[in-house]
């Protein structure tokens, strides 16, 4: 599965998580807004990277996507640590966020190397 497809599917899970969290307590609602912004931004930035005008533009968009993926991973860990949702429920999506971070880290590192190709 391509990273764009993977991040799109991840975004749909984030939207559903947001919908669930907004039915909860005020703290969950605030965190839901944070995770919705960062979690859906990953795929949007990769879509922009796909149409990049240069290698530098591509890397910039991928780096932004990586930062958003790291932020999303943070919010998911926080939800678990604060017991706003149980770890069994958040475990799979947190693992997915971690995997997306790893993939994007590899893309950015390879893109920055002298002979690295910029591909997703």
Protein backbone atom coordinates (compact mmCIF):
# COMPACT_ATOMS: atom_id res chain seq x y z
CA UNK A 1 0.00 0.00 0.00
CA UNK A 2 1.37 3.40 -0.94
CA UNK A 3 2.00 5.93 1.80
CA UNK A 4 -0.71 8.24 0.39
CA UNK A 5 -3.31 5.48 0.67
CA UNK A 6 -2.08 4.52 4.10
CA UNK A 7 -2.26 8.09 5.40
CA UNK A 8 -5.71 8.57 3.85
CA UNK A 9 -6.98 5.48 5.68
CA UNK A 10 -5.27 6.72 8.85
CA UNK A 11 -7.05 10.08 8.45
CA UNK A 12 -10.43 8.37 8.26
CA UNK A 13 -9.66 6.58 11.52
CA UNK A 14 -8.64 9.90 13.09
CA UNK A 15 -11.94 11.49 11.98
CA UNK A 16 -13.88 8.63 13.58
CA UNK A 17 -11.79 8.96 16.74
CA UNK A 18 -12.54 12.70 16.79
CA UNK A 19 -16.26 12.01 16.46
CA UNK A 20 -16.10 9.63 19.40
CA UNK A 21 -14.02 11.96 21.59
CA UNK A 22 -16.27 14.97 21.03
CA UNK A 23 -19.08 13.06 22.73
CA UNK A 24 -16.97 12.84 25.90
CA UNK A 25 -15.73 15.22 28.59
CA UNK A 26 -14.34 18.73 27.87
CA UNK A 27 -10.71 17.61 28.02
CA UNK A 28 -11.33 14.91 25.45
CA UNK A 29 -13.01 17.45 23.17
CA UNK A 30 -9.97 19.74 23.27
CA UNK A 31 -7.58 16.88 22.56
CA UNK A 32 -9.90 15.68 19.81
CA UNK A 33 -9.48 19.00 18.01
CA UNK A 34 -5.70 18.77 18.28
CA UNK A 35 -5.55 15.23 16.96
CA UNK A 36 -7.99 15.97 14.15
CA UNK A 37 -5.80 18.82 12.86
CA UNK A 38 -2.50 16.97 13.04
CA UNK A 39 -3.81 13.54 12.03
CA UNK A 40 -5.56 14.68 8.87
CA UNK A 41 -2.75 17.05 7.92
CA UNK A 42 -0.32 14.19 7.31
CA UNK A 43 -2.07 12.93 4.20
CA UNK A 44 -2.86 16.44 2.96
CA UNK A 45 0.83 17.35 3.04
CA UNK A 46 1.77 14.16 1.23
CA UNK A 47 -0.77 14.95 -1.48
CA UNK A 48 0.97 18.31 -1.89
CA UNK A 49 4.37 16.57 -1.94
CA UNK A 50 3.13 14.35 -4.76
CA UNK A 51 2.73 17.49 -6.90
CA UNK A 52 5.96 19.12 -5.72
CA UNK A 53 7.69 21.54 -8.06
CA UNK A 54 11.20 20.54 -6.98
CA UNK A 55 13.13 18.17 -4.74
CA UNK A 56 13.31 20.91 -2.09
CA UNK A 57 9.54 21.43 -2.27
CA UNK A 58 8.98 17.67 -2.02
CA UNK A 59 11.23 17.38 1.02
CA UNK A 60 9.62 20.38 2.68
CA UNK A 61 6.14 18.87 2.35
CA UNK A 62 7.32 15.45 3.51
CA UNK A 63 9.06 17.02 6.48
CA UNK A 64 5.85 18.85 7.44
CA UNK A 65 3.94 15.56 7.14
CA UNK A 66 6.55 13.93 9.39
CA UNK A 67 6.16 16.65 12.02
CA UNK A 68 2.38 16.24 11.93
CA UNK A 69 2.72 12.46 12.26
CA UNK A 70 4.95 12.89 15.31
CA UNK A 71 2.45 15.31 16.83
CA UNK A 72 -0.42 12.90 16.19
CA UNK A 73 1.55 10.10 17.81
CA UNK A 74 2.07 12.35 20.83
CA UNK A 75 -1.67 13.11 21.19
CA UNK A 76 -2.52 9.42 20.92
CA UNK A 77 -0.01 8.56 23.65
CA UNK A 78 -1.41 11.35 25.82
CA UNK A 79 -4.97 10.07 25.42
CA UNK A 80 -3.78 6.65 26.59
CA UNK A 81 -1.61 7.96 29.45
CA UNK A 82 -4.49 10.09 30.80
CA UNK A 83 -6.83 7.10 30.46
CA UNK A 84 -9.28 9.06 28.34
CA UNK A 85 -9.51 5.96 26.17
CA UNK A 86 -8.09 2.56 26.99
CA UNK A 87 -4.84 1.35 25.49
CA UNK A 88 -6.54 -1.61 23.82
CA UNK A 89 -8.70 0.76 21.81
CA UNK A 90 -5.89 3.21 20.95
CA UNK A 91 -3.10 0.65 20.57
CA UNK A 92 -3.63 -0.13 16.88
CA UNK A 93 -3.97 3.49 15.75
CA UNK A 94 -1.00 4.52 17.90
CA UNK A 95 1.06 1.75 16.28
CA UNK A 96 -0.08 2.94 12.85
CA UNK A 97 1.03 6.48 13.70
CA UNK A 98 4.40 5.13 14.80
CA UNK A 99 4.78 3.23 11.51
CA UNK A 100 3.87 6.33 9.50
CA UNK A 101 6.52 8.29 11.43
CA UNK A 102 9.08 5.60 10.55
CA UNK A 103 8.16 5.60 6.86
CA UNK A 104 8.24 9.39 6.61
CA UNK A 105 11.54 9.55 8.50
CA UNK A 106 13.04 7.19 5.92
CA UNK A 107 11.64 9.24 3.01
CA UNK A 108 13.02 12.49 4.44
CA UNK A 109 16.44 10.99 5.29
CA UNK A 110 16.78 9.38 1.87
CA UNK A 111 15.68 12.59 0.17
CA UNK A 112 18.33 14.57 2.00
CA UNK A 113 21.17 12.23 1.06
CA UNK A 114 23.29 13.27 -1.92
CA UNK A 115 22.03 10.55 -4.23
CA UNK A 116 18.72 9.86 -2.53
CA UNK A 117 15.72 9.69 -4.78
CA UNK A 118 12.58 11.54 -3.81
CA UNK A 119 9.89 8.91 -4.09
CA UNK A 120 6.97 7.83 -1.99
